């Protein structure tokens, strides 16, 4: 077995470990999404069944069937404001933003009037429960922070090891080509670039 094949075998092991960690990270993300959804859904349980509510990391999307479209049209969204000042607090979120679009109606547009009615309802939820929403979201993501840190630390170490192996593999290939070039010469069947 040559040095290059030994190094490439080691790289393949590290690459498999990195893929395993990426899967673990994805699993953490899915579980975190479920926890956030479970924590925030009760705040919006009073909405009528025709309103589809989707909770994703940091966002709550509200949609409803529209008679002119074959899909559920966006009503409005709530975004959890992320806390980027990690030194002061360990909380992931520090506020709630309500995003909606404005329009005008021609005559009695029952869908738009219903959307405005629902917007008022969600505005009330945000107005009176903002702190509770933020606290619930922060409590939901807290258990996953340490898991993320461990996985990312391992991914960084493995990524560094792969980069170091790539450097060694390139050095060994270069050394081999230089040796062959000095001794018996080289006939390249395929182009080769060694830096």
Protein backbone atom coordinates (compact mmCIF):
# COMPACT_ATOMS: atom_id res chain seq x y z
CA UNK A 1 0.00 0.00 0.00
CA UNK A 2 1.42 3.39 -0.98
CA UNK A 3 1.59 6.48 1.19
CA UNK A 4 -0.98 8.17 -1.03
CA UNK A 5 -3.47 5.32 -0.67
CA UNK A 6 -2.96 5.33 3.12
CA UNK A 7 -3.62 9.07 3.24
CA UNK A 8 -6.64 8.74 0.93
CA UNK A 9 -8.02 5.92 3.09
CA UNK A 10 -7.68 8.12 6.16
CA UNK A 11 -9.37 10.99 4.29
CA UNK A 12 -12.24 8.65 3.35
CA UNK A 13 -12.69 7.75 7.03
CA UNK A 14 -12.76 11.44 8.02
CA UNK A 15 -15.15 12.23 5.16
CA UNK A 16 -17.54 9.50 6.36
CA UNK A 17 -17.30 10.90 9.90
CA UNK A 18 -18.08 14.40 8.59
CA UNK A 19 -21.16 13.08 6.75
CA UNK A 20 -22.27 11.36 9.95
CA UNK A 21 -21.91 14.63 11.83
CA UNK A 22 -23.83 16.49 9.11
CA UNK A 23 -26.66 13.98 9.56
CA UNK A 24 -26.49 14.48 13.32
CA UNK A 25 -26.67 18.26 12.81
CA UNK A 26 -29.71 17.82 10.55
CA UNK A 27 -31.38 15.66 13.19
CA UNK A 28 -30.76 18.33 15.84
CA UNK A 29 -32.27 20.93 13.51
CA UNK A 30 -35.42 18.84 12.92
CA UNK A 31 -35.89 18.23 16.64
CA UNK A 32 -35.31 21.92 17.36
CA UNK A 33 -37.91 22.91 14.73
CA UNK A 34 -40.43 20.59 16.35
CA UNK A 35 -39.69 22.04 19.80
CA UNK A 36 -40.14 25.62 18.53
CA UNK A 37 -43.36 24.68 16.76
CA UNK A 38 -44.71 22.97 19.88
CA UNK A 39 -43.77 26.00 22.01
CA UNK A 40 -45.30 28.65 19.72
CA UNK A 41 -48.38 26.89 18.36
CA UNK A 42 -50.49 27.42 21.52
CA UNK A 43 -50.27 31.19 21.05
CA UNK A 44 -52.18 30.85 17.77
CA UNK A 45 -54.62 28.07 18.63
CA UNK A 46 -57.63 30.43 18.43
CA UNK A 47 -57.25 30.93 14.68
CA UNK A 48 -59.90 29.47 12.43
CA UNK A 49 -59.11 26.09 10.84
CA UNK A 50 -58.88 27.53 7.32
CA UNK A 51 -55.75 29.43 8.36
CA UNK A 52 -52.65 27.29 7.84
CA UNK A 53 -49.99 28.11 10.41
CA UNK A 54 -46.44 26.91 9.81
CA UNK A 55 -43.78 27.45 12.45
CA UNK A 56 -40.19 27.26 11.26
CA UNK A 57 -37.05 28.34 13.06
CA UNK A 58 -37.56 31.96 13.91
CA UNK A 59 -40.70 32.40 11.79
CA UNK A 60 -44.42 31.79 11.91
CA UNK A 61 -46.17 31.80 8.52
CA UNK A 62 -49.91 32.30 8.14
CA UNK A 63 -51.62 31.25 4.88
CA UNK A 64 -55.17 30.79 3.71
CA UNK A 65 -56.87 29.48 0.58
CA UNK A 66 -57.73 32.24 -1.89
CA UNK A 67 -60.52 31.79 -4.45
CA UNK A 68 -58.34 33.13 -7.29
CA UNK A 69 -55.30 30.92 -6.65
CA UNK A 70 -54.63 27.19 -6.53
CA UNK A 71 -52.41 27.58 -3.47
CA UNK A 72 -52.78 29.03 -0.01
CA UNK A 73 -51.89 32.70 -0.13
CA UNK A 74 -49.74 34.40 2.48
CA UNK A 75 -51.65 36.40 5.05
CA UNK A 76 -48.77 37.71 7.19
CA UNK A 77 -45.71 36.44 9.05
CA UNK A 78 -44.18 36.74 12.48
CA UNK A 79 -40.40 36.76 12.78
CA UNK A 80 -38.50 36.21 15.98
CA UNK A 81 -35.78 38.84 16.19
CA UNK A 82 -32.46 37.08 16.68
CA UNK A 83 -30.14 38.22 19.44
CA UNK A 84 -26.73 38.83 17.86
CA UNK A 85 -25.22 40.20 21.07
CA UNK A 86 -24.20 36.82 22.48
CA UNK A 87 -21.85 38.23 25.11
CA UNK A 88 -24.61 39.89 27.11
CA UNK A 89 -27.31 37.22 26.96
CA UNK A 90 -27.48 33.59 26.05
CA UNK A 91 -30.94 34.01 24.58
CA UNK A 92 -31.38 33.27 20.89
CA UNK A 93 -34.28 35.69 20.40
CA UNK A 94 -35.03 39.11 21.87
CA UNK A 95 -38.19 40.33 20.13
CA UNK A 96 -41.05 39.67 17.75
CA UNK A 97 -41.68 41.40 14.41
CA UNK A 98 -44.97 41.25 12.52
CA UNK A 99 -44.65 41.39 8.73
CA UNK A 100 -47.67 42.07 6.53
CA UNK A 101 -48.47 43.71 3.23
CA UNK A 102 -50.96 46.47 2.62
CA UNK A 103 -53.43 46.68 -0.20
CA UNK A 104 -56.72 48.31 -1.03
CA UNK A 105 -59.99 46.61 -1.75
CA UNK A 106 -62.44 47.23 -4.53
CA UNK A 107 -65.90 46.85 -3.19
CA UNK A 108 -66.35 44.02 -0.72
CA UNK A 109 -63.35 41.73 -1.12
CA UNK A 110 -64.23 39.21 1.57
CA UNK A 111 -60.83 37.48 1.42
CA UNK A 112 -58.87 40.73 1.99
CA UNK A 113 -61.29 41.89 4.67
CA UNK A 114 -60.95 38.53 6.40
CA UNK A 115 -57.14 38.83 6.13
CA UNK A 116 -57.29 42.27 7.78
CA UNK A 117 -59.51 40.88 10.53
CA UNK A 118 -57.01 38.04 11.13
CA UNK A 119 -54.12 40.53 11.03
CA UNK A 120 -55.79 42.42 13.87
CA UNK A 121 -56.14 39.19 15.77
CA UNK A 122 -52.47 38.25 15.37
CA UNK A 123 -51.45 41.84 16.16
CA UNK A 124 -53.26 41.41 19.47
CA UNK A 125 -51.39 38.18 20.16
CA UNK A 126 -48.07 39.91 19.43
CA UNK A 127 -49.04 43.03 21.40
CA UNK A 128 -50.13 41.22 24.54
CA UNK A 129 -47.88 38.13 24.44
CA UNK A 130 -44.59 39.26 22.88
CA UNK A 131 -42.51 38.54 25.97
CA UNK A 132 -44.13 35.13 26.48
CA UNK A 133 -43.56 34.23 22.80
CA UNK A 134 -39.87 35.17 23.07
CA UNK A 135 -39.48 33.29 26.36
CA UNK A 136 -41.16 30.18 24.92
CA UNK A 137 -38.93 30.22 21.83
CA UNK A 138 -35.78 30.74 23.90
CA UNK A 139 -36.75 27.91 26.26
CA UNK A 140 -37.40 25.65 23.26
CA UNK A 141 -33.99 26.20 21.60
CA UNK A 142 -31.85 26.25 24.76
CA UNK A 143 -31.48 22.44 25.09
CA UNK A 144 -30.19 22.23 21.51
CA UNK A 145 -27.42 24.84 21.83
CA UNK A 146 -24.94 22.53 23.53
CA UNK A 147 -25.65 19.77 21.01
CA UNK A 148 -24.97 22.19 18.14
CA UNK A 149 -21.73 23.38 19.74
CA UNK A 150 -20.46 19.81 20.20
CA UNK A 151 -21.32 18.82 16.63
CA UNK A 152 -19.83 21.99 15.12
CA UNK A 153 -16.64 21.60 17.18
CA UNK A 154 -16.27 18.02 15.92
CA UNK A 155 -17.03 19.10 12.35
CA UNK A 156 -14.35 21.81 12.57
CA UNK A 157 -11.75 19.32 13.84
CA UNK A 158 -12.57 16.81 11.10
CA UNK A 159 -12.64 19.54 8.46
CA UNK A 160 -9.18 20.67 9.57
CA UNK A 161 -7.90 17.08 9.46
CA UNK A 162 -9.27 16.65 5.91
CA UNK A 163 -7.61 19.88 4.78
CA UNK A 164 -4.30 18.75 6.31
CA UNK A 165 -4.59 15.36 4.57
CA UNK A 166 -5.28 17.12 1.24
CA UNK A 167 -2.07 19.11 1.71
CA UNK A 168 -0.12 15.93 2.52
CA UNK A 169 -1.60 14.04 -0.45
CA UNK A 170 -0.66 16.88 -2.80
CA UNK A 171 2.87 17.00 -1.32
CA UNK A 172 3.35 13.24 -1.74
CA UNK A 173 2.06 13.35 -5.34
CA UNK A 174 4.37 16.24 -6.11
CA UNK A 175 7.30 14.44 -4.49
CA UNK A 176 6.57 11.31 -6.54
CA UNK A 177 6.33 13.22 -9.82
CA UNK A 178 9.55 15.13 -9.09
CA UNK A 179 11.32 11.84 -8.25
CA UNK A 180 10.10 10.20 -11.47
CA UNK A 181 10.98 13.30 -13.47
CA UNK A 182 14.57 13.34 -12.16
CA UNK A 183 15.14 9.63 -12.66
CA UNK A 184 13.40 8.08 -15.62
CA UNK A 185 11.19 10.88 -16.90
CA UNK A 186 7.44 11.07 -17.09
CA UNK A 187 4.98 10.52 -19.89
CA UNK A 188 1.70 12.20 -19.02
CA UNK A 189 -1.32 10.40 -20.42
CA UNK A 190 -3.55 12.91 -18.73
CA UNK A 191 -2.72 16.49 -17.85
CA UNK A 192 -1.43 16.96 -14.34
CA UNK A 193 -1.15 20.12 -12.27
CA UNK A 194 0.95 20.02 -9.13
CA UNK A 195 1.27 23.25 -7.15
